[in-house]
Amino acid sequence: TAMASIEVAPLQEAIRRVSLLTDRNAQIRMEFS
């Protein structure tokens, strides 16, 4: 019902930074618009 295309390298870097604040590696939210 929905599709997204994202550049891989910046996404990997962003996940690495944001996931520093995940509680025991629990979850990272992706909010698409």
PDB file of all heavy atoms in Angstrom:
ATOM      1  N   THR A   1       0.825  -1.216   0.000  1.00  0.00           N
ATOM      2  CA  THR A   1       0.000   0.000   0.000  1.00  0.00           C
ATOM      3  C   THR A   1       0.857   1.262   0.000  1.00  0.00           C
ATOM      4  O   THR A   1       0.362   2.356  -0.255  1.00  0.00           O
ATOM      5  CB  THR A   1      -0.918   0.027   1.239  1.00  0.00           C
ATOM      6  OG1 THR A   1      -0.110  -0.068   2.417  1.00  0.00           O
ATOM      7  CG2 THR A   1      -1.900  -1.137   1.204  1.00  0.00           C
ATOM      8  N   ALA A   2       2.164   1.100   0.311  1.00  0.00           N
ATOM      9  CA  ALA A   2       3.071   2.250   0.283  1.00  0.00           C
ATOM     10  C   ALA A   2       4.474   1.758  -0.016  1.00  0.00           C
ATOM     11  O   ALA A   2       4.836   0.625   0.338  1.00  0.00           O
ATOM     12  CB  ALA A   2       3.057   2.988   1.621  1.00  0.00           C
ATOM     13  N   MET A   3       5.258   2.609  -0.674  1.00  0.00           N
ATOM     14  CA  MET A   3       6.641   2.257  -0.999  1.00  0.00           C
ATOM     15  C   MET A   3       7.538   3.460  -0.753  1.00  0.00           C
ATOM     16  O   MET A   3       7.110   4.617  -0.867  1.00  0.00           O
ATOM     17  CB  MET A   3       6.772   1.784  -2.444  1.00  0.00           C
ATOM     18  CG  MET A   3       5.892   0.588  -2.759  1.00  0.00           C
ATOM     19  SD  MET A   3       6.426  -0.354  -4.197  1.00  0.00           S
ATOM     20  CE  MET A   3       7.792  -1.286  -3.546  1.00  0.00           C
ATOM     21  N   ALA A   4       8.791   3.147  -0.391  1.00  0.00           N
ATOM     22  CA  ALA A   4       9.754   4.216  -0.118  1.00  0.00           C
ATOM     23  C   ALA A   4      11.106   3.833  -0.685  1.00  0.00           C
ATOM     24  O   ALA A   4      11.495   2.655  -0.651  1.00  0.00           O
ATOM     25  CB  ALA A   4       9.870   4.456   1.382  1.00  0.00           C
ATOM     26  N   SER A   5      11.823   4.815  -1.207  1.00  0.00           N
ATOM     27  CA  SER A   5      13.178   4.601  -1.717  1.00  0.00           C
ATOM     28  C   SER A   5      14.113   5.572  -0.988  1.00  0.00           C
ATOM     29  O   SER A   5      13.871   6.780  -0.960  1.00  0.00           O
ATOM     30  CB  SER A   5      13.222   4.856  -3.231  1.00  0.00           C
ATOM     31  OG  SER A   5      14.554   4.890  -3.687  1.00  0.00           O
ATOM     32  N   ILE A   6      15.173   5.010  -0.377  1.00  0.00           N
ATOM     33  CA  ILE A   6      16.076   5.808   0.455  1.00  0.00           C
ATOM     34  C   ILE A   6      17.520   5.450   0.114  1.00  0.00           C
ATOM     35  O   ILE A   6      17.833   4.283  -0.154  1.00  0.00           O
ATOM     36  CB  ILE A   6      15.855   5.540   1.972  1.00  0.00           C
ATOM     37  CG1 ILE A   6      14.373   5.531   2.318  1.00  0.00           C
ATOM     38  CG2 ILE A   6      16.590   6.544   2.829  1.00  0.00           C
ATOM     39  CD1 ILE A   6      14.075   5.045   3.732  1.00  0.00           C
ATOM     40  N   GLU A   7      18.402   6.433   0.169  1.00  0.00           N
ATOM     41  CA  GLU A   7      19.825   6.178  -0.032  1.00  0.00           C
ATOM     42  C   GLU A   7      20.356   5.388   1.166  1.00  0.00           C
ATOM     43  O   GLU A   7      20.104   5.744   2.326  1.00  0.00           O
ATOM     44  CB  GLU A   7      20.571   7.507  -0.197  1.00  0.00           C
ATOM     45  CG  GLU A   7      21.938   7.342  -0.825  1.00  0.00           C
ATOM     46  CD  GLU A   7      22.607   8.677  -1.119  1.00  0.00           C
ATOM     47  OE1 GLU A   7      21.914   9.718  -1.154  1.00  0.00           O
ATOM     48  OE2 GLU A   7      23.844   8.660  -1.273  1.00  0.00           O
ATOM     49  N   VAL A   8      21.093   4.317   0.891  1.00  0.00           N
ATOM     50  CA  VAL A   8      21.484   3.371   1.948  1.00  0.00           C
ATOM     51  C   VAL A   8      22.486   3.966   2.935  1.00  0.00           C
ATOM     52  O   VAL A   8      22.295   3.893   4.156  1.00  0.00           O
ATOM     53  CB  VAL A   8      22.054   2.065   1.328  1.00  0.00           C
ATOM     54  CG1 VAL A   8      22.673   1.176   2.408  1.00  0.00           C
ATOM     55  CG2 VAL A   8      20.950   1.308   0.602  1.00  0.00           C
ATOM     56  N   ALA A   9      23.575   4.563   2.446  1.00  0.00           N
ATOM     57  CA  ALA A   9      24.659   5.001   3.344  1.00  0.00           C
ATOM     58  C   ALA A   9      24.188   6.021   4.390  1.00  0.00           C
ATOM     59  O   ALA A   9      24.451   5.840   5.595  1.00  0.00           O
ATOM     60  CB  ALA A   9      25.829   5.541   2.528  1.00  0.00           C
ATOM     61  N   PRO A  10      23.471   7.106   4.003  1.00  0.00           N
ATOM     62  CA  PRO A  10      22.984   8.036   5.030  1.00  0.00           C
ATOM     63  C   PRO A  10      22.011   7.389   6.018  1.00  0.00           C
ATOM     64  O   PRO A  10      21.998   7.728   7.200  1.00  0.00           O
ATOM     65  CB  PRO A  10      22.276   9.133   4.218  1.00  0.00           C
ATOM     66  CG  PRO A  10      22.802   9.018   2.842  1.00  0.00           C
ATOM     67  CD  PRO A  10      23.139   7.580   2.652  1.00  0.00           C
ATOM     68  N   LEU A  11      21.207   6.420   5.508  1.00  0.00           N
ATOM     69  CA  LEU A  11      20.255   5.728   6.383  1.00  0.00           C
ATOM     70  C   LEU A  11      21.010   4.896   7.424  1.00  0.00           C
ATOM     71  O   LEU A  11      20.649   4.879   8.607  1.00  0.00           O
ATOM     72  CB  LEU A  11      19.321   4.845   5.550  1.00  0.00           C
ATOM     73  CG  LEU A  11      18.260   4.044   6.323  1.00  0.00           C
ATOM     74  CD1 LEU A  11      17.373   4.962   7.152  1.00  0.00           C
ATOM     75  CD2 LEU A  11      17.413   3.212   5.364  1.00  0.00           C
ATOM     76  N   GLN A  12      22.061   4.205   6.989  1.00  0.00           N
ATOM     77  CA  GLN A  12      22.860   3.411   7.931  1.00  0.00           C
ATOM     78  C   GLN A  12      23.471   4.293   9.016  1.00  0.00           C
ATOM     79  O   GLN A  12      23.471   3.945  10.203  1.00  0.00           O
ATOM     80  CB  GLN A  12      23.977   2.657   7.183  1.00  0.00           C
ATOM     81  CG  GLN A  12      23.471   1.504   6.329  1.00  0.00           C
ATOM     82  CD  GLN A  12      24.567   0.908   5.469  1.00  0.00           C
ATOM     83  OE1 GLN A  12      25.315   1.635   4.803  1.00  0.00           O
ATOM     84  NE2 GLN A  12      24.676  -0.405   5.460  1.00  0.00           N
ATOM     85  N   GLU A  13      23.998   5.441   8.606  1.00  0.00           N
ATOM     86  CA  GLU A  13      24.617   6.360   9.572  1.00  0.00           C
ATOM     87  C   GLU A  13      23.582   6.908  10.556  1.00  0.00           C
ATOM     88  O   GLU A  13      23.839   7.004  11.764  1.00  0.00           O
ATOM     89  CB  GLU A  13      25.301   7.519   8.829  1.00  0.00           C
ATOM     90  CG  GLU A  13      26.594   7.136   8.149  1.00  0.00           C
ATOM     91  CD  GLU A  13      27.647   6.713   9.165  1.00  0.00           C
ATOM     92  OE1 GLU A  13      27.937   7.494  10.086  1.00  0.00           O
ATOM     93  OE2 GLU A  13      28.156   5.579   9.062  1.00  0.00           O
ATOM     94  N   ALA A  14      22.408   7.258  10.036  1.00  0.00           N
ATOM     95  CA  ALA A  14      21.350   7.799  10.898  1.00  0.00           C
ATOM     96  C   ALA A  14      20.875   6.749  11.906  1.00  0.00           C
ATOM     97  O   ALA A  14      20.661   7.046  13.088  1.00  0.00           O
ATOM     98  CB  ALA A  14      20.182   8.297  10.047  1.00  0.00           C
ATOM     99  N   ILE A  15      20.727   5.515  11.442  1.00  0.00           N
ATOM    100  CA  ILE A  15      20.314   4.436  12.356  1.00  0.00           C
ATOM    101  C   ILE A  15      21.362   4.254  13.446  1.00  0.00           C
ATOM    102  O   ILE A  15      21.032   4.076  14.624  1.00  0.00           O
ATOM    103  CB  ILE A  15      20.105   3.111  11.574  1.00  0.00           C
ATOM    104  CG1 ILE A  15      18.894   3.221  10.651  1.00  0.00           C
ATOM    105  CG2 ILE A  15      19.921   1.930  12.533  1.00  0.00           C
ATOM    106  CD1 ILE A  15      18.784   2.093   9.637  1.00  0.00           C
ATOM    107  N   ARG A  16      22.637   4.289  13.053  1.00  0.00           N
ATOM    108  CA  ARG A  16      23.721   4.114  14.033  1.00  0.00           C
ATOM    109  C   ARG A  16      23.642   5.183  15.127  1.00  0.00           C
ATOM    110  O   ARG A  16      23.797   4.883  16.315  1.00  0.00           O
ATOM    111  CB  ARG A  16      25.072   4.174  13.322  1.00  0.00           C
ATOM    112  CG  ARG A  16      26.264   3.893  14.216  1.00  0.00           C
ATOM    113  CD  ARG A  16      27.560   3.886  13.423  1.00  0.00           C
ATOM    114  NE  ARG A  16      27.830   5.157  12.783  1.00  0.00           N
ATOM    115  CZ  ARG A  16      28.370   6.203  13.403  1.00  0.00           C
ATOM    116  NH1 ARG A  16      28.665   6.141  14.689  1.00  0.00           N
ATOM    117  NH2 ARG A  16      28.592   7.324  12.748  1.00  0.00           N
ATOM    118  N   ARG A  17      23.358   6.429  14.714  1.00  0.00           N
ATOM    119  CA  ARG A  17      23.293   7.521  15.701  1.00  0.00           C
ATOM    120  C   ARG A  17      22.033   7.428  16.564  1.00  0.00           C
ATOM    121  O   ARG A  17      22.096   7.471  17.794  1.00  0.00           O
ATOM    122  CB  ARG A  17      23.342   8.879  14.981  1.00  0.00           C
ATOM    123  CG  ARG A  17      24.707   9.241  14.441  1.00  0.00           C
ATOM    124  CD  ARG A  17      24.726  10.649  13.901  1.00  0.00           C
ATOM    125  NE  ARG A  17      24.004  10.766  12.637  1.00  0.00           N
ATOM    126  CZ  ARG A  17      24.580  10.634  11.444  1.00  0.00           C
ATOM    127  NH1 ARG A  17      25.873  10.345  11.339  1.00  0.00           N
ATOM    128  NH2 ARG A  17      23.873  10.770  10.334  1.00  0.00           N
ATOM    129  N   VAL A  18      20.888   7.288  15.892  1.00  0.00           N
ATOM    130  CA  VAL A  18      19.620   7.321  16.631  1.00  0.00           C
ATOM    131  C   VAL A  18      19.481   6.119  17.551  1.00  0.00           C
ATOM    132  O   VAL A  18      18.941   6.224  18.664  1.00  0.00           O
ATOM    133  CB  VAL A  18      18.425   7.411  15.635  1.00  0.00           C
ATOM    134  CG1 VAL A  18      17.097   7.266  16.364  1.00  0.00           C
ATOM    135  CG2 VAL A  18      18.474   8.738  14.875  1.00  0.00           C
ATOM    136  N   SER A  19      19.996   4.960  17.131  1.00  0.00           N
ATOM    137  CA  SER A  19      19.826   3.748  17.942  1.00  0.00           C
ATOM    138  C   SER A  19      20.650   3.774  19.225  1.00  0.00           C
ATOM    139  O   SER A  19      20.489   2.905  20.086  1.00  0.00           O
ATOM    140  CB  SER A  19      20.151   2.491  17.125  1.00  0.00           C
ATOM    141  OG  SER A  19      21.492   2.498  16.701  1.00  0.00           O
ATOM    142  N   LEU A  20      21.525   4.774  19.362  1.00  0.00           N
ATOM    143  CA  LEU A  20      22.237   4.937  20.640  1.00  0.00           C
ATOM    144  C   LEU A  20      21.250   5.203  21.778  1.00  0.00           C
ATOM    145  O   LEU A  20      21.554   4.959  22.945  1.00  0.00           O
ATOM    146  CB  LEU A  20      23.248   6.095  20.558  1.00  0.00           C
ATOM    147  CG  LEU A  20      24.417   5.898  19.592  1.00  0.00           C
ATOM    148  CD1 LEU A  20      25.206   7.191  19.451  1.00  0.00           C
ATOM    149  CD2 LEU A  20      25.329   4.769  20.072  1.00  0.00           C
ATOM    150  N   LEU A  21      20.067   5.705  21.413  1.00  0.00           N
ATOM    151  CA  LEU A  21      19.061   6.034  22.428  1.00  0.00           C
ATOM    152  C   LEU A  21      17.939   5.000  22.501  1.00  0.00           C
ATOM    153  O   LEU A  21      16.918   5.238  23.149  1.00  0.00           O
ATOM    154  CB  LEU A  21      18.460   7.417  22.135  1.00  0.00           C
ATOM    155  CG  LEU A  21      19.178   8.647  22.742  1.00  0.00           C
ATOM    156  CD1 LEU A  21      19.103   8.633  24.250  1.00  0.00           C
ATOM    157  CD2 LEU A  21      20.611   8.752  22.282  1.00  0.00           C
ATOM    158  N   THR A  22      18.121   3.853  21.834  1.00  0.00           N
ATOM    159  CA  THR A  22      17.097   2.809  21.971  1.00  0.00           C
ATOM    160  C   THR A  22      17.318   2.062  23.277  1.00  0.00           C
ATOM    161  O   THR A  22      18.447   1.854  23.706  1.00  0.00           O
ATOM    162  CB  THR A  22      17.144   1.799  20.800  1.00  0.00           C
ATOM    163  OG1 THR A  22      18.453   1.256  20.720  1.00  0.00           O
ATOM    164  CG2 THR A  22      16.768   2.442  19.490  1.00  0.00           C
ATOM    165  N   ASP A  23      16.241   1.671  23.871  1.00  0.00           N
ATOM    166  CA  ASP A  23      16.285   0.968  25.149  1.00  0.00           C
ATOM    167  C   ASP A  23      16.582  -0.512  24.892  1.00  0.00           C
ATOM    168  O   ASP A  23      15.741  -1.232  24.364  1.00  0.00           O
ATOM    169  CB  ASP A  23      14.932   1.127  25.864  1.00  0.00           C
ATOM    170  CG  ASP A  23      14.977   0.568  27.275  1.00  0.00           C
ATOM    171  OD1 ASP A  23      16.089   0.331  27.775  1.00  0.00           O
ATOM    172  OD2 ASP A  23      13.894   0.372  27.863  1.00  0.00           O
ATOM    173  N   ARG A  24      17.817  -0.950  25.210  1.00  0.00           N
ATOM    174  CA  ARG A  24      18.243  -2.337  25.003  1.00  0.00           C
ATOM    175  C   ARG A  24      17.966  -2.787  23.556  1.00  0.00           C
ATOM    176  O   ARG A  24      17.473  -3.872  23.311  1.00  0.00           O
ATOM    177  CB  ARG A  24      17.550  -3.294  25.988  1.00  0.00           C
ATOM    178  CG  ARG A  24      17.940  -3.055  27.436  1.00  0.00           C
ATOM    179  CD  ARG A  24      17.374  -4.144  28.335  1.00  0.00           C
ATOM    180  NE  ARG A  24      15.940  -4.332  28.182  1.00  0.00           N
ATOM    181  CZ  ARG A  24      15.028  -3.552  28.748  1.00  0.00           C
ATOM    182  NH1 ARG A  24      15.406  -2.532  29.523  1.00  0.00           N
ATOM    183  NH2 ARG A  24      13.742  -3.786  28.569  1.00  0.00           N
ATOM    184  N   ASN A  25      18.299  -1.907  22.610  1.00  0.00           N
ATOM    185  CA  ASN A  25      18.169  -2.240  21.182  1.00  0.00           C
ATOM    186  C   ASN A  25      16.726  -2.564  20.780  1.00  0.00           C
ATOM    187  O   ASN A  25      16.458  -3.328  19.866  1.00  0.00           O
ATOM    188  CB  ASN A  25      19.062  -3.443  20.848  1.00  0.00           C
ATOM    189  CG  ASN A  25      19.672  -3.306  19.467  1.00  0.00           C
ATOM    190  OD1 ASN A  25      19.762  -2.208  18.929  1.00  0.00           O
ATOM    191  ND2 ASN A  25      20.098  -4.408  18.898  1.00  0.00           N
ATOM    192  N   ALA A  26      15.752  -1.997  21.524  1.00  0.00           N
ATOM    193  CA  ALA A  26      14.360  -2.416  21.364  1.00  0.00           C
ATOM    194  C   ALA A  26      13.752  -2.021  20.024  1.00  0.00           C
ATOM    195  O   ALA A  26      13.298  -2.879  19.277  1.00  0.00           O
ATOM    196  CB  ALA A  26      13.517  -1.852  22.503  1.00  0.00           C
ATOM    197  N   GLN A  27      13.710  -0.728  19.714  1.00  0.00           N
ATOM    198  CA  GLN A  27      13.062  -0.338  18.461  1.00  0.00           C
ATOM    199  C   GLN A  27      13.512   1.032  18.001  1.00  0.00           C
ATOM    200  O   GLN A  27      13.918   1.882  18.790  1.00  0.00           O
ATOM    201  CB  GLN A  27      11.543  -0.356  18.605  1.00  0.00           C
ATOM    202  CG  GLN A  27      10.987   0.646  19.588  1.00  0.00           C
ATOM    203  CD  GLN A  27       9.474   0.778  19.458  1.00  0.00           C
ATOM    204  OE1 GLN A  27       8.974   1.796  19.012  1.00  0.00           O
ATOM    205  NE2 GLN A  27       8.741  -0.268  19.851  1.00  0.00           N
ATOM    206  N   ILE A  28      13.433   1.198  16.690  1.00  0.00           N
ATOM    207  CA  ILE A  28      13.672   2.497  16.088  1.00  0.00           C
ATOM    208  C   ILE A  28      12.456   2.767  15.193  1.00  0.00           C
ATOM    209  O   ILE A  28      12.048   1.907  14.416  1.00  0.00           O
ATOM    210  CB  ILE A  28      15.005   2.510  15.305  1.00  0.00           C
ATOM    211  CG1 ILE A  28      15.413   3.932  14.927  1.00  0.00           C
ATOM    212  CG2 ILE A  28      14.971   1.625  14.080  1.00  0.00           C
ATOM    213  CD1 ILE A  28      16.880   4.036  14.551  1.00  0.00           C
ATOM    214  N   ARG A  29      11.829   3.930  15.376  1.00  0.00           N
ATOM    215  CA  ARG A  29      10.622   4.266  14.610  1.00  0.00           C
ATOM    216  C   ARG A  29      11.011   4.956  13.309  1.00  0.00           C
ATOM    217  O   ARG A  29      11.944   5.756  13.268  1.00  0.00           O
ATOM    218  CB  ARG A  29       9.702   5.189  15.422  1.00  0.00           C
ATOM    219  CG  ARG A  29       9.039   4.513  16.589  1.00  0.00           C
ATOM    220  CD  ARG A  29       8.016   5.400  17.289  1.00  0.00           C
ATOM    221  NE  ARG A  29       8.522   6.702  17.686  1.00  0.00           N
ATOM    222  CZ  ARG A  29       9.336   6.909  18.734  1.00  0.00           C
ATOM    223  NH1 ARG A  29       9.745   5.876  19.456  1.00  0.00           N
ATOM    224  NH2 ARG A  29       9.744   8.120  19.039  1.00  0.00           N
ATOM    225  N   MET A  30      10.260   4.629  12.257  1.00  0.00           N
ATOM    226  CA  MET A  30      10.456   5.280  10.963  1.00  0.00           C
ATOM    227  C   MET A  30       9.122   5.928  10.593  1.00  0.00           C
ATOM    228  O   MET A  30       8.120   5.242  10.419  1.00  0.00           O
ATOM    229  CB  MET A  30      10.895   4.271   9.900  1.00  0.00           C
ATOM    230  CG  MET A  30      12.205   3.575  10.233  1.00  0.00           C
ATOM    231  SD  MET A  30      12.751   2.398   8.949  1.00  0.00           S
ATOM    232  CE  MET A  30      13.412   3.514   7.712  1.00  0.00           C
ATOM    233  N   GLU A  31       9.133   7.255  10.525  1.00  0.00           N
ATOM    234  CA  GLU A  31       7.919   8.030  10.236  1.00  0.00           C
ATOM    235  C   GLU A  31       8.048   8.620   8.830  1.00  0.00           C
ATOM    236  O   GLU A  31       8.822   9.549   8.595  1.00  0.00           O
ATOM    237  CB  GLU A  31       7.751   9.131  11.291  1.00  0.00           C
ATOM    238  CG  GLU A  31       7.677   8.575  12.708  1.00  0.00           C
ATOM    239  CD  GLU A  31       7.772   9.658  13.789  1.00  0.00           C
ATOM    240  OE1 GLU A  31       7.732  10.866  13.416  1.00  0.00           O
ATOM    241  OE2 GLU A  31       7.909   9.307  14.966  1.00  0.00           O
ATOM    242  N   PHE A  32       7.310   8.020   7.881  1.00  0.00           N
ATOM    243  CA  PHE A  32       7.398   8.431   6.478  1.00  0.00           C
ATOM    244  C   PHE A  32       6.319   9.469   6.163  1.00  0.00           C
ATOM    245  O   PHE A  32       5.170   9.350   6.597  1.00  0.00           O
ATOM    246  CB  PHE A  32       7.198   7.219   5.559  1.00  0.00           C
ATOM    247  CG  PHE A  32       8.300   6.207   5.627  1.00  0.00           C
ATOM    248  CD1 PHE A  32       8.260   5.171   6.565  1.00  0.00           C
ATOM    249  CD2 PHE A  32       9.377   6.272   4.762  1.00  0.00           C
ATOM    250  CE1 PHE A  32       9.267   4.229   6.624  1.00  0.00           C
ATOM    251  CE2 PHE A  32      10.395   5.327   4.818  1.00  0.00           C
ATOM    252  CZ  PHE A  32      10.344   4.305   5.751  1.00  0.00           C
ATOM    253  N   SER A  33       6.717  10.471   5.378  1.00  0.00           N
ATOM    254  CA  SER A  33       5.754  11.429   4.820  1.00  0.00           C
ATOM    255  C   SER A  33       6.333  11.900   3.491  1.00  0.00           C
ATOM    256  O   SER A  33       7.409  11.447   3.082  1.00  0.00           O
ATOM    257  CB  SER A  33       5.522  12.602   5.779  1.00  0.00           C
ATOM    258  OG  SER A  33       6.755  13.220   6.110  1.00  0.00           O
TER     259      SER A  33
END
